[in-house]
Amino acid sequence: MFLGEHRHTLDDKSRVTIPAKYRKALEDGLVVTKGFENCLFVFSKTGWLEFSEQIRQLRTLRKDARTLSRFLFGGACEDDLDKSGRVVVPQSLRQWASIKKEIIVIGVSSRLEIWSKEKWEKVEKEAASSYSEIAEELADLGF
């Protein structure tokens, strides 16, 4: 399980250092793709297979399902960590997430999210005032 918040920087070769405690889970490879709110999702290969199976179960006759599939699969790339625990983030994904130098790596249960520092601080600030409301809405849904 991926947990926690870690501050890093993108190096000159567009590599992100994955926090050491997550590297074992990603040693067989990983998938990086566009995420929601302009972050990047990072999955282990196993996690990606499970996630992608859920997406494939969506009804492709629905336009929104096709759009979501294109977004997630079209933006995805497979890679391996180098010996120092780094992964190259392609230019198209850096552009999507507005990543320049400072980044935040967030553990979100089955995946990591990579955020530009500026975007993460904005999202975190906006969400801070609504956590209790979100919890109440989820409780109404049986969470």
Protein backbone atom coordinates (compact mmCIF):
# COMPACT_ATOMS: atom_id res chain seq x y z
CA MET A 1 0.00 0.00 0.00
CA PHE A 2 1.26 3.44 -0.93
CA LEU A 3 0.96 6.06 1.82
CA GLY A 4 2.42 9.45 2.63
CA GLU A 5 3.62 12.67 1.05
CA HIS A 6 7.17 13.13 -0.23
CA ARG A 7 8.83 16.22 -1.68
CA HIS A 8 11.32 15.75 -4.51
CA THR A 9 12.71 17.52 -7.56
CA LEU A 10 12.81 16.53 -11.20
CA ASP A 11 16.43 16.13 -12.27
CA ASP A 12 18.04 17.49 -15.46
CA LYS A 13 17.22 14.26 -17.33
CA SER A 14 13.50 14.47 -16.45
CA ARG A 15 13.73 11.72 -13.84
CA VAL A 16 11.70 11.48 -10.65
CA THR A 17 13.21 9.70 -7.68
CA ILE A 18 10.67 7.27 -6.27
CA PRO A 19 10.75 7.21 -2.45
CA ALA A 20 12.79 4.25 -1.23
CA LYS A 21 9.93 2.66 0.69
CA TYR A 22 7.94 2.23 -2.56
CA ARG A 23 10.68 0.80 -4.77
CA LYS A 24 10.19 -2.86 -3.89
CA ALA A 25 6.55 -2.67 -5.00
CA LEU A 26 7.70 -1.21 -8.33
CA GLU A 27 10.76 -3.40 -8.96
CA ASP A 28 8.95 -5.44 -11.65
CA GLY A 29 8.12 -2.28 -13.57
CA LEU A 30 5.56 0.46 -13.46
CA VAL A 31 3.09 2.39 -15.52
CA VAL A 32 2.81 6.19 -15.48
CA THR A 33 -0.26 7.84 -16.97
CA LYS A 34 -2.28 11.02 -16.86
CA GLY A 35 -4.26 11.38 -13.66
CA PHE A 36 -7.20 13.50 -12.67
CA GLU A 37 -6.80 17.15 -11.68
CA ASN A 38 -3.60 17.27 -13.77
CA CYS A 39 -1.47 14.95 -11.69
CA LEU A 40 0.22 11.74 -12.83
CA PHE A 41 -0.79 8.26 -11.67
CA VAL A 42 1.96 5.69 -11.06
CA PHE A 43 0.96 2.03 -10.77
CA SER A 44 2.94 -1.14 -10.22
CA LYS A 45 2.51 -3.51 -13.17
CA THR A 46 0.11 -5.62 -11.08
CA GLY A 47 -1.78 -2.54 -9.91
CA TRP A 48 -2.06 -1.32 -13.50
CA LEU A 49 -3.48 -4.66 -14.65
CA GLU A 50 -6.13 -4.52 -11.92
CA PHE A 51 -6.97 -0.88 -12.63
CA SER A 52 -7.04 -1.32 -16.39
CA GLU A 53 -9.35 -4.31 -16.05
CA GLN A 54 -11.86 -2.06 -14.24
CA ILE A 55 -11.62 0.45 -17.08
CA ARG A 56 -12.07 -2.30 -19.68
CA GLN A 57 -15.27 -3.36 -17.92
CA LEU A 58 -16.87 -0.02 -18.72
CA ARG A 59 -19.42 -0.12 -21.50
CA THR A 60 -17.60 1.01 -24.62
CA LEU A 61 -20.91 1.93 -26.22
CA ARG A 62 -20.97 4.91 -23.86
CA LYS A 63 -19.07 7.94 -25.06
CA ASP A 64 -17.82 8.84 -21.56
CA ALA A 65 -16.35 5.34 -21.14
CA ARG A 66 -14.49 5.64 -24.46
CA THR A 67 -13.24 9.10 -23.51
CA LEU A 68 -11.94 7.89 -20.16
CA SER A 69 -10.24 4.88 -21.79
CA ARG A 70 -8.49 7.11 -24.31
CA PHE A 71 -7.37 9.48 -21.57
CA LEU A 72 -5.90 6.77 -19.33
CA PHE A 73 -4.50 4.33 -21.88
CA GLY A 74 -3.42 6.87 -24.49
CA GLY A 75 -1.34 8.77 -21.98
CA ALA A 76 0.25 5.71 -20.37
CA CYS A 77 3.85 4.57 -20.60
CA GLU A 78 5.60 1.55 -19.12
CA ASP A 79 9.03 1.85 -17.56
CA ASP A 80 11.41 0.42 -14.98
CA LEU A 81 13.19 2.09 -12.11
CA ASP A 82 16.88 2.67 -12.71
CA LYS A 83 19.51 1.53 -10.17
CA SER A 84 18.95 4.73 -8.17
CA GLY A 85 15.17 4.30 -7.99
CA ARG A 86 14.38 6.91 -10.63
CA VAL A 87 11.94 6.89 -13.52
CA VAL A 88 11.92 9.15 -16.57
CA VAL A 89 8.74 11.19 -16.96
CA PRO A 90 8.03 11.77 -20.67
CA GLN A 91 7.63 15.34 -21.85
CA SER A 92 3.94 14.88 -22.70
CA LEU A 93 3.19 13.75 -19.13
CA ARG A 94 5.32 16.53 -17.60
CA GLN A 95 3.37 19.00 -19.69
CA TRP A 96 0.00 17.51 -18.63
CA ALA A 97 0.94 17.82 -14.96
CA SER A 98 2.73 21.20 -15.33
CA ILE A 99 5.83 19.64 -13.79
CA LYS A 100 8.92 21.80 -14.01
CA LYS A 101 11.23 21.16 -11.06
CA GLU A 102 9.63 20.73 -7.63
CA ILE A 103 7.25 17.80 -7.25
CA ILE A 104 5.20 16.08 -4.58
CA VAL A 105 4.79 12.29 -4.60
CA ILE A 106 1.64 11.18 -2.79
CA GLY A 107 0.83 7.61 -1.78
CA VAL A 108 -2.84 6.93 -2.53
CA SER A 109 -3.42 3.29 -1.51
CA SER A 110 -3.00 1.36 -4.79
CA ARG A 111 -1.09 4.04 -6.68
CA LEU A 112 1.26 6.97 -6.38
CA GLU A 113 0.38 10.42 -7.63
CA ILE A 114 3.01 12.87 -8.85
CA TRP A 115 2.06 16.52 -8.61
CA SER A 116 3.78 19.76 -9.43
CA LYS A 117 4.39 21.48 -6.10
CA GLU A 118 2.21 24.44 -7.11
CA LYS A 119 -0.75 22.32 -8.22
CA TRP A 120 -0.59 20.10 -5.12
CA GLU A 121 -0.58 23.09 -2.78
CA LYS A 122 -3.58 24.56 -4.60
CA VAL A 123 -5.55 21.29 -4.57
CA GLU A 124 -4.73 20.67 -0.93
CA LYS A 125 -5.79 24.18 0.07
CA GLU A 126 -9.07 23.98 -1.86
CA ALA A 127 -9.92 20.56 -0.42
CA ALA A 128 -9.04 21.42 3.18
CA SER A 129 -12.31 23.21 3.77
CA SER A 130 -14.46 20.38 2.40
CA TYR A 131 -13.10 17.16 3.94
CA SER A 132 -15.87 16.86 6.52
CA GLU A 133 -18.55 17.56 3.88
CA ILE A 134 -17.05 14.89 1.62
CA ALA A 135 -17.03 12.40 4.51
CA GLU A 136 -20.71 13.13 5.24
CA GLU A 137 -21.66 12.62 1.58
CA LEU A 138 -19.77 9.32 1.48
CA ALA A 139 -21.49 8.26 4.71
CA ASP A 140 -24.85 8.88 3.02
CA LEU A 141 -23.72 6.53 0.26
CA GLY A 142 -22.97 3.78 2.76
CA PHE A 143 -19.24 4.32 3.12
